[in-house]
Every structure is written in C-alpha cells, then in structure tokens.
Amino acid sequence: MFENLSDRLERSFKILKGEGQITEINVAETMKDVRRALLDADVNYKVAKAFTNKVKEKALGMNVLTAVKPGQLMVKLVHDELAELMGGEDAPLVLKSHPAVILMSGLQGSGKTTFSGKLANLLKTKQGKKPLLVACDVYRPAAIDQLKVVGEQIGVPVYSEPENKNVNEIADHAIQEAKTKGNDVVIIDTAGRLAVDEQMMDEISSLKNHVNPDETLFVVDSMTGQDAVNTAKEFNDRLDFDGVVLTKLDGDTRGGAALSIRTVVTKPIKFIGTGEKMEAIDVFHPARMADRILGMGDVVSLVERAQEQFDEAEARKLQKKIQKNKFDFNDFLGQIEQIKKMGNMKELASMIPGVGKAIRDVDIDGEANNAFKSIEAVIRSMTPQERSHPEILNSSRRKRIAKGSGTDIQQVGRLIKQFDQTRKMMKMLTGNKMASMMARMKGMPGFGAKA
C-alpha cells in the first residue's frame, strides 16, 4: 500500500538533501514536487494544495535547530501533517448500548459483508464480545447465504428472515434475538447498489432512524480513489455516519482515498481491510500510517500483532520444556502456526523500518508459504513418537518421512539439523542467561533506562 506515493515523496525530499538551510526557494520547490506526488496518488486537488501550503508555512516559520538538517525537518513536518490529514487521533468504536448496534453502509462490491464478518471476528477474539450478524441485504441474490458462510467461518451466529423484505422489522427481531441469547453487539449488514440511488438512501436512512445505532460505518473500496471520496460525501450528507472503513487497502499502491476522505467528509477512518482472511483487519492509526507512507515502518503494530498471538500460559509451558531440552516438533509446528496467524508476511516485513522498499519486488509470501508447506509436510509425515522424540530419527525413518512428505532425504536432514540448532539456541536463551540479557537490555536507552 502507498508504494507509489512513498517513492515520490522520497524523491521530493532529495531536493533538500545537502542543503545547508531551509529557504523559501528550496521549500517551494520541494512542496511543488510533494503536491505532484499527492495528485498522482489520486488525492483531491484542494486537499493536496492545502496540505503543501500548511507544510510550507510551518517550514518557513520555524527557527531551525542547527543540529537538524533541512531534509530531516521537512520529513518531520510532512509526517505530522500527513497524520493530521488522516485524522490526527485514533477513533475507536463507541459501543454503549446493550446490545450495541453497528450499522454497515456502502455501495455493492465495497466489501460490506466480508468486513462485517471481520469486525465481528475482531470484537469476538480481541474484546471478548458475543456478536450477532444480521442479514438486512434483502435484494442481492445469495447475500444471506454469503453472510452465513462468513458467520460459520468465524463461529458467529447470523440472524436472517429470507422471506421478509422489511429491513426495519428484521433489525427489530434481530435485536430482540440478541437480548434473548445474550449477544452484546449486533452488526447489521445492509443492501448496496452499484451506484447511489434515492431508494437505497431512503431505506438505509429509515433503518438508521429506526434502530438508532451506536455506530454507523461507511465501507468503501479504497481502490476506487476519488470516486470513493465522492461516494462517501453523498452517503454522509444523508446518513451522517460515524466513521469510514477502507477495504482492499493492500491492493492500493496510491492511497488517495485514505489521504482525502477525512478532509472531505470530516469523519474519521476507523478501520482498514488489508487482505482476504477474516483476520485481515486493522484499527486505523493516522500517525502509524504516516510512518509507513514515509518508509519509517510500523514497529508498534508489528509488536501488537505478535502479542495477539502470544499466550502467556503456553509460553511458560514452552519455556519449561526448552529448559529441560524437551522442545519437540509438535512445539515447532505450533510456533509456525502462530507466525502464520500474524498475517501477510510481506506486510509484516514492511513494518520493519527500512525493509519495505528493499522487499518490494520480492515474493516473500510465496517463498514463505512454500517453506512453511515443506516444513509442515515433513513434520506431519512423522509418527507421534518421532515428533515427541526427535533423537530417534535415524536414516531409515528419514527415508520414510521424505517419501511421505514428497521431499528428499537431504531436505529432511536439513530440517532436523536446523531444528537441533534452534533447540540448542533456545535453551541457551532461557534461565539465567535470558535474565542477564534482559537486565542488560533494560540498561539501554529505550529499554527502561533513562537515556
């Protein structure tokens, strides 16, 4: 995401590289290039112009510290202004009612139904909620079936009335069902059209007034660029929604919708969709997104992703096994599963500062998936005893495993060797050695000590 914009901004900042000080001339030249970069990213012209004018005004009005190079200052100013352009502060969901009601809106094909499932999954797995999905798209063929498939995928119930075309009634009955069954969040998936029309707007406006939702979210395909912004404005004029959801952001290398929509509709971006899987949903953080646009990575989000998959009780059990040298292939397989749950490998790698550009043309996901498949095939071709006791893997067993996994004996041998090395290294890092390492880290700036 934002690859083209990131490249263009990097080239723009090179204008100031090597300059001894900021002047009106070099700032104007840089901002002219930044404006072109924003327009190429399909950012609204008025938004791009206002953005560069603000940055220029701040740059020329500052007393620049001698320790700060002009190029570094400009990156800082652009970063802060980008974050402000996208909303400045995070905008979490506000769910006060019991049950809380979330109303989804948007055009057909924007990803409303899939996102409803992703949101339900996020609320269930990360906030301990008991969501109920409600099928209020009564026009699109198979819309109810699609929502049911999504619900089954994530283990969330779906309320529907296939013969009823009155969405207000369906919503009423669903909310009553939620109260009866103990569901604390009701997510209503509504009908979309291929274009904004009066009938669609009347129906969803009536539904909103009827159920008085805690949150009304507008879901939009970010790849439609300025069309997304224009559609958002039309919906907001009628619905006065609470926040925006940008889907398919992983396929949008320009990012104009994300940069324009907050200014045009004055409503925050609350979530982004970053892939097909039900876990591919992120809370939108303006400052972190500005980091990523400027190639600074997003270490905070990376750590959060890792923490989501971290089970403290399991980690303690694992540490005890490692200390006793009992870490086996079952544990190894479990660690691979946790890594895979963290999401798209290329996206994760791009969160590390400086890595995003370096891996842009590398098929990390393809290579990682192939590597994981090969490792998993080998481990799953072992007997339960072999997985628990890797030391019994002699030559004849390795031949059988290679044949069963569709690999060769050299690949099996390499995996076992790498596993042994990993096990030794993990044992070294437990106990007193780990404690002393953590103590040394705490003495470093950024790890608990005062810099």
Protein backbone atom coordinates (compact mmCIF):
# COMPACT_ATOMS: atom_id res chain seq x y z
CA MET A 1 0.00 0.00 0.00
CA PHE A 2 1.11 3.60 -0.73
CA GLU A 3 4.17 2.32 -2.63
CA ASN A 4 3.99 4.89 -5.43
CA LEU A 5 3.41 7.77 -3.01
CA SER A 6 6.28 6.64 -0.76
CA ASP A 7 8.67 6.60 -3.74
CA ARG A 8 7.58 10.02 -4.96
CA LEU A 9 7.87 11.63 -1.52
CA GLU A 10 11.33 10.16 -1.05
CA ARG A 11 12.39 11.75 -4.35
CA SER A 12 10.84 15.07 -3.28
CA PHE A 13 12.88 15.18 -0.07
CA LYS A 14 16.10 14.67 -2.04
CA ILE A 15 15.71 18.26 -3.28
CA LEU A 16 16.69 19.40 0.23
CA LYS A 17 19.43 16.81 0.71
CA GLY A 18 22.76 18.50 1.22
CA GLU A 19 21.20 21.95 1.61
CA GLY A 20 22.68 23.96 4.48
CA GLN A 21 19.44 25.69 5.38
CA ILE A 22 15.78 25.96 4.51
CA THR A 23 14.97 28.83 2.16
CA GLU A 24 11.77 29.98 0.51
CA ILE A 25 13.11 28.77 -2.84
CA ASN A 26 14.07 25.20 -1.87
CA VAL A 27 10.94 24.75 0.25
CA ALA A 28 8.74 25.94 -2.63
CA GLU A 29 10.50 23.54 -5.00
CA THR A 30 10.10 20.62 -2.57
CA MET A 31 6.44 21.37 -1.90
CA LYS A 32 5.73 21.65 -5.61
CA ASP A 33 7.10 18.14 -6.02
CA VAL A 34 5.19 16.85 -2.96
CA ARG A 35 1.95 18.30 -4.39
CA ARG A 36 2.57 16.45 -7.68
CA ALA A 37 3.19 13.26 -5.71
CA LEU A 38 -0.12 13.67 -3.85
CA LEU A 39 -2.05 14.37 -7.04
CA ASP A 40 -0.50 11.31 -8.69
CA ALA A 41 -1.71 9.33 -5.67
CA ASP A 42 -5.25 10.49 -6.56
CA VAL A 43 -5.50 12.89 -3.62
CA ASN A 44 -8.16 15.57 -4.01
CA TYR A 45 -6.59 18.71 -5.59
CA LYS A 46 -7.87 21.11 -2.90
CA VAL A 47 -6.64 18.75 -0.17
CA ALA A 48 -3.18 18.46 -1.79
CA LYS A 49 -2.89 22.22 -2.19
CA ALA A 50 -3.96 22.97 1.40
CA PHE A 51 -1.58 20.29 2.69
CA THR A 52 1.52 21.65 0.91
CA ASN A 53 0.63 25.24 1.85
CA LYS A 54 0.47 24.26 5.53
CA VAL A 55 3.81 22.44 5.43
CA LYS A 56 5.45 25.34 3.58
CA GLU A 57 4.08 27.86 6.09
CA LYS A 58 5.37 25.81 9.04
CA ALA A 59 8.79 25.21 7.46
CA LEU A 60 9.40 28.91 6.76
CA GLY A 61 8.05 29.98 10.13
CA MET A 62 10.34 27.78 12.23
CA ASN A 63 13.65 28.61 13.82
CA VAL A 64 15.59 25.58 12.60
CA LEU A 65 17.96 23.99 15.08
CA THR A 66 21.48 23.72 13.69
CA ALA A 67 21.52 20.02 14.64
CA VAL A 68 18.57 19.34 12.37
CA LYS A 69 19.21 19.05 8.66
CA PRO A 70 16.64 20.69 6.36
CA GLY A 71 15.72 17.35 4.78
CA GLN A 72 15.09 15.78 8.19
CA LEU A 73 12.96 18.72 9.29
CA MET A 74 10.87 18.53 6.14
CA VAL A 75 10.25 14.80 6.67
CA LYS A 76 9.12 15.55 10.24
CA LEU A 77 6.78 18.34 9.09
CA VAL A 78 5.30 16.22 6.29
CA HIS A 79 4.88 13.27 8.68
CA ASP A 80 2.98 15.35 11.25
CA GLU A 81 0.81 16.95 8.58
CA LEU A 82 0.04 13.57 6.96
CA ALA A 83 -1.06 12.20 10.33
CA GLU A 84 -3.25 15.27 10.86
CA LEU A 85 -4.66 14.95 7.33
CA MET A 86 -5.78 11.39 8.12
CA GLY A 87 -7.44 12.40 11.38
CA GLY A 88 -4.64 13.01 13.86
CA GLU A 89 -6.10 10.98 16.73
CA ASP A 90 -7.26 7.35 16.74
CA ALA A 91 -11.05 6.98 16.61
CA PRO A 92 -12.17 3.80 18.42
CA LEU A 93 -15.68 2.37 18.29
CA VAL A 94 -18.07 3.77 20.91
CA LEU A 95 -20.42 0.99 21.98
CA LYS A 96 -22.63 1.99 24.90
CA SER A 97 -25.97 0.24 24.37
CA HIS A 98 -26.85 -3.32 25.44
CA PRO A 99 -26.80 -4.76 22.90
CA ALA A 100 -24.73 -2.23 20.97
CA VAL A 101 -25.79 -1.84 17.33
CA ILE A 102 -23.38 -1.26 14.43
CA LEU A 103 -24.95 -0.37 11.08
CA MET A 104 -22.89 -1.05 7.94
CA SER A 105 -23.43 1.07 4.81
CA GLY A 106 -21.83 1.38 1.37
CA LEU A 107 -22.11 0.51 -2.29
CA GLN A 108 -22.39 -3.01 -3.66
CA GLY A 109 -18.94 -4.54 -4.11
CA SER A 110 -17.30 -2.37 -1.45
CA GLY A 111 -16.79 -5.37 0.83
CA LYS A 112 -19.52 -4.68 3.44
CA THR A 113 -20.47 -8.30 4.03
CA THR A 114 -16.89 -9.54 4.33
CA PHE A 115 -15.96 -6.62 6.55
CA SER A 116 -18.99 -7.26 8.80
CA GLY A 117 -17.51 -10.71 9.41
CA LYS A 118 -14.03 -9.32 10.00
CA LEU A 119 -15.36 -6.81 12.52
CA ALA A 120 -17.40 -9.50 14.30
CA ASN A 121 -14.29 -11.69 14.45
CA LEU A 122 -12.18 -8.83 15.84
CA LEU A 123 -14.74 -7.99 18.54
CA LYS A 124 -15.07 -11.66 19.46
CA THR A 125 -11.38 -12.60 19.59
CA LYS A 126 -9.82 -9.37 20.88
CA GLN A 127 -12.53 -7.82 23.02
CA GLY A 128 -14.38 -10.90 24.25
CA LYS A 129 -17.68 -9.75 22.75
CA LYS A 130 -20.55 -12.00 21.65
CA PRO A 131 -21.58 -10.52 18.29
CA LEU A 132 -24.63 -11.34 16.20
CA LEU A 133 -24.54 -10.75 12.43
CA VAL A 134 -27.81 -9.62 10.84
CA ALA A 135 -28.66 -10.10 7.15
CA CYS A 136 -30.54 -6.98 6.02
CA ASP A 137 -29.46 -7.14 2.37
CA VAL A 138 -32.79 -8.43 1.05
CA TYR A 139 -32.13 -7.74 -2.65
CA ARG A 140 -28.80 -9.17 -3.74
CA PRO A 141 -29.01 -12.85 -4.73
CA ALA A 142 -27.22 -15.11 -2.22
CA ALA A 143 -26.41 -12.16 0.10
CA ILE A 144 -27.90 -14.00 3.10
CA ASP A 145 -26.01 -17.19 2.17
CA GLN A 146 -22.76 -15.23 1.88
CA LEU A 147 -23.19 -13.78 5.37
CA LYS A 148 -23.98 -17.24 6.75
CA VAL A 149 -20.78 -18.63 5.22
CA VAL A 150 -18.81 -15.77 6.80
CA GLY A 151 -20.53 -16.42 10.16
CA GLU A 152 -19.66 -20.12 10.04
CA GLN A 153 -16.04 -19.27 9.26
CA ILE A 154 -15.63 -17.23 12.44
CA GLY A 155 -18.11 -19.04 14.68
CA VAL A 156 -20.56 -16.14 14.94
CA PRO A 157 -24.38 -16.63 14.65
CA VAL A 158 -26.28 -14.99 11.78
CA TYR A 159 -29.88 -13.80 12.05
CA SER A 160 -31.93 -13.74 8.86
CA GLU A 161 -35.53 -13.80 7.60
CA PRO A 162 -35.26 -14.86 3.93
CA GLU A 163 -38.95 -14.24 3.16
CA ASN A 164 -39.15 -10.82 4.83
CA LYS A 165 -38.31 -7.69 2.77
CA ASN A 166 -38.91 -5.21 5.60
CA VAL A 167 -35.43 -4.41 6.93
CA ASN A 168 -36.76 -2.45 9.93
CA GLU A 169 -38.70 -5.50 11.10
CA ILE A 170 -35.73 -7.80 10.55
CA ALA A 171 -33.50 -5.48 12.60
CA ASP A 172 -36.08 -5.29 15.42
CA HIS A 173 -36.37 -9.08 15.59
CA ALA A 174 -32.57 -9.47 15.46
CA ILE A 175 -32.05 -7.07 18.39
CA GLN A 176 -34.68 -8.96 20.38
CA GLU A 177 -32.90 -12.22 19.50
CA ALA A 178 -29.61 -10.74 20.73
CA LYS A 179 -31.20 -9.79 24.07
CA THR A 180 -32.64 -13.30 24.44
CA LYS A 181 -29.41 -15.11 23.50
CA GLY A 182 -27.00 -12.78 25.34
CA ASN A 183 -25.31 -11.22 22.30
CA ASP A 184 -23.82 -7.86 23.27
CA VAL A 185 -23.12 -6.49 19.76
CA VAL A 186 -25.45 -6.55 16.73
CA ILE A 187 -23.79 -5.93 13.35
CA ILE A 188 -26.32 -5.16 10.61
CA ASP A 189 -25.21 -5.87 7.03
CA THR A 190 -27.31 -3.74 4.66
CA ALA A 191 -28.03 -3.71 0.93
CA GLY A 192 -25.81 -1.83 -1.50
CA ARG A 193 -26.35 -0.69 -5.08
CA LEU A 194 -23.94 -0.31 -7.98
CA ALA A 195 -24.45 3.44 -7.63
CA VAL A 196 -26.04 5.81 -5.12
CA ASP A 197 -29.80 5.98 -5.69
CA GLU A 198 -32.74 7.50 -3.85
CA GLN A 199 -34.40 4.20 -2.94
CA MET A 200 -31.20 2.91 -1.35
CA MET A 201 -30.67 6.13 0.62
CA ASP A 202 -34.28 6.24 1.81
CA GLU A 203 -34.14 2.64 3.04
CA ILE A 204 -30.88 2.93 4.98
CA SER A 205 -31.83 6.36 6.39
CA SER A 206 -35.10 4.86 7.63
CA LEU A 207 -33.23 1.87 9.11
CA LYS A 208 -30.76 4.15 10.89
CA ASN A 209 -33.52 6.28 12.39
CA HIS A 210 -35.41 3.14 13.40
CA VAL A 211 -32.61 1.27 15.24
CA ASN A 212 -30.62 4.33 16.42
CA PRO A 213 -27.23 2.53 16.12
CA ASP A 214 -24.25 3.21 18.38
CA GLU A 215 -22.06 3.33 15.26
CA THR A 216 -22.86 3.78 11.58
CA LEU A 217 -19.88 2.81 9.45
CA PHE A 218 -19.42 3.61 5.77
CA VAL A 219 -17.48 0.88 3.94
CA VAL A 220 -15.67 1.91 0.76
CA ASP A 221 -13.29 0.25 -1.70
CA SER A 222 -10.08 2.31 -1.43
CA MET A 223 -9.01 1.28 -4.93
CA THR A 224 -11.74 3.47 -6.44
CA GLY A 225 -9.72 6.57 -5.41
CA GLN A 226 -11.58 9.87 -5.71
CA ASP A 227 -14.81 8.04 -6.55
CA ALA A 228 -14.59 6.60 -3.03
CA VAL A 229 -14.32 10.11 -1.58
CA ASN A 230 -17.25 11.42 -3.65
CA THR A 231 -19.44 8.47 -2.67
CA ALA A 232 -18.52 8.96 0.99
CA LYS A 233 -19.65 12.58 0.77
CA GLU A 234 -23.02 11.61 -0.73
CA PHE A 235 -23.61 8.99 1.98
CA ASN A 236 -22.51 11.32 4.77
CA ASP A 237 -24.84 14.09 3.57
CA ARG A 238 -27.79 11.70 4.01
CA LEU A 239 -26.64 9.38 6.80
CA ASP A 240 -24.24 11.45 8.91
CA PHE A 241 -22.23 8.29 9.57
CA ASP A 242 -19.70 7.96 12.41
CA GLY A 243 -16.68 6.59 10.63
CA VAL A 244 -15.13 5.21 7.46
CA VAL A 245 -13.83 1.72 6.69
CA LEU A 246 -11.34 1.45 3.82
CA THR A 247 -11.27 -2.03 2.28
CA LYS A 248 -8.73 -3.50 -0.18
CA LEU A 249 -6.03 -1.11 1.02
CA ASP A 250 -3.46 -3.87 0.48
CA GLY A 251 -4.08 -3.63 -3.28
CA ASP A 252 -3.96 0.19 -3.46
CA THR A 253 -0.43 1.46 -4.14
CA ARG A 254 -1.59 5.09 -4.38
CA GLY A 255 -3.71 5.70 -1.28
CA GLY A 256 -5.55 8.84 -2.40
CA ALA A 257 -8.80 7.84 -0.69
CA ALA A 258 -7.12 7.41 2.69
CA LEU A 259 -5.48 10.83 2.40
CA SER A 260 -8.51 12.75 1.12
CA ILE A 261 -11.56 11.25 2.77
CA ARG A 262 -11.06 12.67 6.29
CA THR A 263 -10.88 16.25 4.99
CA VAL A 264 -13.82 15.94 2.58
CA VAL A 265 -16.33 14.25 4.93
CA THR A 266 -14.82 15.34 8.31
CA LYS A 267 -15.33 11.82 9.66
CA PRO A 268 -12.52 9.57 10.93
CA ILE A 269 -11.20 6.43 9.27
CA LYS A 270 -11.81 3.73 11.89
CA PHE A 271 -10.68 0.50 10.22
CA ILE A 272 -8.82 -0.74 7.17
CA GLY A 273 -9.08 -4.07 5.38
CA THR A 274 -5.71 -5.49 4.33
CA GLY A 275 -6.48 -8.87 2.76
CA GLU A 276 -8.99 -11.65 2.19
CA LYS A 277 -8.66 -13.50 5.51
CA MET A 278 -11.02 -12.81 8.39
CA GLU A 279 -8.03 -11.64 10.45
CA ALA A 280 -7.04 -9.07 7.79
CA ILE A 281 -8.48 -6.04 9.57
CA ASP A 282 -6.59 -3.27 11.34
CA VAL A 283 -7.66 -0.42 13.56
CA PHE A 284 -6.62 2.74 11.71
CA HIS A 285 -3.84 4.75 13.39
CA PRO A 286 -3.10 8.01 11.49
CA ALA A 287 0.41 8.52 12.92
CA ARG A 288 1.44 4.91 12.23
CA MET A 289 0.11 5.15 8.68
CA ALA A 290 2.15 8.33 8.17
CA ASP A 291 5.20 6.37 9.36
CA ARG A 292 4.54 3.70 6.75
CA ILE A 293 3.96 6.20 3.93
CA LEU A 294 7.35 7.80 4.67
CA GLY A 295 9.16 4.46 4.82
CA MET A 296 9.64 4.54 8.61
CA GLY A 297 7.94 1.19 9.19
CA ASP A 298 5.40 0.49 11.92
CA VAL A 299 7.09 -1.41 14.72
CA VAL A 300 4.26 -0.76 17.22
CA SER A 301 1.70 -2.52 15.01
CA LEU A 302 4.16 -5.36 14.39
CA VAL A 303 4.61 -5.90 18.14
CA GLU A 304 0.83 -5.75 18.67
CA ARG A 305 0.32 -8.42 16.01
CA ALA A 306 2.85 -10.64 17.78
CA GLN A 307 1.22 -10.03 21.18
CA GLU A 308 -2.19 -11.03 19.79
CA GLN A 309 -0.82 -14.49 19.07
CA PHE A 310 1.08 -14.69 22.36
CA ASP A 311 -0.40 -16.94 25.04
CA GLU A 312 1.37 -16.32 28.35
CA ALA A 313 0.39 -19.66 29.91
CA GLU A 314 1.54 -21.56 26.81
CA ALA A 315 4.76 -19.53 26.75
CA ARG A 316 5.56 -20.58 30.34
CA LYS A 317 4.95 -24.24 29.49
CA LEU A 318 7.15 -23.87 26.43
CA GLN A 319 9.93 -22.26 28.43
CA LYS A 320 9.93 -25.16 30.90
CA LYS A 321 10.14 -27.65 28.01
CA ILE A 322 13.03 -25.71 26.49
CA GLN A 323 14.92 -25.65 29.83
CA LYS A 324 14.53 -29.43 30.11
CA ASN A 325 15.52 -29.83 26.45
CA LYS A 326 12.07 -31.27 25.72
CA PHE A 327 11.16 -28.82 22.91
CA ASP A 328 9.93 -31.08 20.10
CA PHE A 329 8.48 -30.99 16.60
CA ASN A 330 4.94 -30.57 17.97
CA ASP A 331 6.06 -27.32 19.61
CA PHE A 332 7.91 -26.32 16.45
CA LEU A 333 4.73 -26.83 14.41
CA GLY A 334 2.78 -24.77 16.93
CA GLN A 335 5.21 -21.87 16.56
CA ILE A 336 4.85 -21.95 12.77
CA GLU A 337 1.05 -21.80 13.14
CA GLN A 338 1.35 -18.73 15.38
CA ILE A 339 3.61 -16.96 12.87
CA LYS A 340 1.17 -17.70 10.03
CA LYS A 341 -1.72 -16.26 12.07
CA MET A 342 0.08 -12.92 12.30
CA GLY A 343 -0.86 -12.24 8.68
CA ASN A 344 0.64 -11.38 5.34
CA MET A 345 4.43 -11.88 5.55
CA LYS A 346 5.28 -9.05 3.17
CA GLU A 347 3.08 -6.65 5.12
CA LEU A 348 4.70 -7.74 8.39
CA ALA A 349 8.21 -7.31 6.96
CA SER A 350 7.30 -3.85 5.63
CA MET A 351 6.53 -2.77 9.21
CA ILE A 352 10.26 -3.00 9.98
CA PRO A 353 11.91 0.39 9.27
CA GLY A 354 13.88 0.40 6.03
CA VAL A 355 12.72 -3.05 4.93
CA GLY A 356 9.60 -2.14 2.93
CA LYS A 357 11.38 -0.73 -0.10
CA ALA A 358 14.05 -3.43 -0.11
CA ILE A 359 11.50 -6.26 -0.39
CA ARG A 360 9.03 -4.55 -2.73
CA ASP A 361 9.75 -6.82 -5.70
CA VAL A 362 10.35 -9.95 -3.63
CA ASP A 363 7.62 -12.57 -3.37
CA ILE A 364 8.08 -13.08 0.36
CA ASP A 365 4.65 -14.62 0.84
CA GLY A 366 5.17 -17.11 -1.97
CA GLU A 367 8.58 -18.14 -0.63
CA ALA A 368 7.40 -18.22 2.98
CA ASN A 369 4.31 -20.28 2.13
CA ASN A 370 6.40 -22.75 0.15
CA ALA A 371 8.91 -23.01 3.00
CA PHE A 372 6.16 -23.50 5.59
CA LYS A 373 4.36 -26.07 3.44
CA SER A 374 7.58 -28.05 3.03
CA ILE A 375 8.36 -27.95 6.77
CA GLU A 376 4.78 -28.83 7.73
CA ALA A 377 4.70 -31.72 5.23
CA VAL A 378 7.88 -33.18 6.74
CA ILE A 379 6.67 -32.82 10.36
CA ARG A 380 3.20 -34.20 9.57
CA SER A 381 4.83 -37.24 7.92
CA MET A 382 6.43 -38.15 11.25
CA THR A 383 4.79 -40.50 13.73
CA PRO A 384 3.60 -39.03 17.06
CA GLN A 385 6.58 -40.71 18.72
CA GLU A 386 9.04 -39.20 16.22
CA ARG A 387 7.63 -35.72 16.74
CA SER A 388 7.95 -36.06 20.52
CA HIS A 389 11.39 -37.70 20.40
CA PRO A 390 13.41 -36.21 17.51
CA GLU A 391 16.51 -38.11 18.67
CA ILE A 392 15.11 -41.40 17.28
CA LEU A 393 15.09 -40.07 13.69
CA ASN A 394 17.62 -42.44 12.14
CA SER A 395 18.39 -42.96 8.45
CA SER A 396 15.55 -45.38 7.69
CA ARG A 397 12.98 -43.17 9.42
CA ARG A 398 14.22 -40.14 7.48
CA LYS A 399 13.82 -42.01 4.18
CA ARG A 400 10.22 -42.89 5.06
CA ILE A 401 9.46 -39.29 6.09
CA ALA A 402 10.97 -37.93 2.86
CA LYS A 403 8.84 -40.29 0.79
CA GLY A 404 5.69 -39.46 2.76
CA SER A 405 6.20 -35.69 2.54
CA GLY A 406 7.16 -35.54 -1.14
CA THR A 407 10.62 -34.20 -0.29
CA ASP A 408 14.06 -35.83 -0.34
CA ILE A 409 16.24 -37.15 2.46
CA GLN A 410 18.58 -34.13 2.21
CA GLN A 411 15.68 -31.72 2.92
CA VAL A 412 14.58 -33.83 5.88
CA GLY A 413 18.15 -33.89 7.16
CA ARG A 414 18.49 -30.11 6.83
CA LEU A 415 15.25 -29.53 8.73
CA ILE A 416 16.31 -31.84 11.57
CA LYS A 417 19.72 -30.11 11.74
CA GLN A 418 18.10 -26.65 11.82
CA PHE A 419 15.68 -27.87 14.48
CA ASP A 420 18.57 -29.14 16.65
CA GLN A 421 20.39 -25.81 16.29
CA THR A 422 17.21 -23.90 17.15
CA ARG A 423 16.64 -26.07 20.21
CA LYS A 424 20.20 -25.50 21.48
CA MET A 425 19.96 -21.75 20.93
CA MET A 426 16.59 -21.55 22.70
CA LYS A 427 17.99 -23.48 25.67
CA MET A 428 20.89 -21.04 25.87
CA LEU A 429 18.48 -18.11 25.99
CA THR A 430 16.41 -19.41 28.91
CA GLY A 431 17.04 -19.23 32.63
CA ASN A 432 19.85 -17.08 33.98
CA LYS A 433 21.23 -16.19 30.57
CA MET A 434 17.89 -14.77 29.47
CA ALA A 435 17.55 -12.89 32.75
CA SER A 436 21.01 -11.34 32.43
CA MET A 437 20.30 -10.40 28.79
CA MET A 438 17.05 -8.69 29.79
CA ALA A 439 18.87 -6.86 32.58
CA ARG A 440 21.45 -5.59 30.07
CA MET A 441 18.68 -4.51 27.69
CA LYS A 442 16.94 -2.58 30.45
CA GLY A 443 20.11 -0.61 30.91
CA MET A 444 19.99 0.61 27.31
CA PRO A 445 18.15 3.76 26.17
CA GLY A 446 14.64 2.82 25.13
CA PHE A 447 14.56 -0.34 27.28
CA GLY A 448 13.66 1.16 30.61
CA ALA A 449 16.77 3.21 31.39
CA LYS A 450 16.86 6.95 31.16
CA ALA A 451 18.75 7.93 28.02
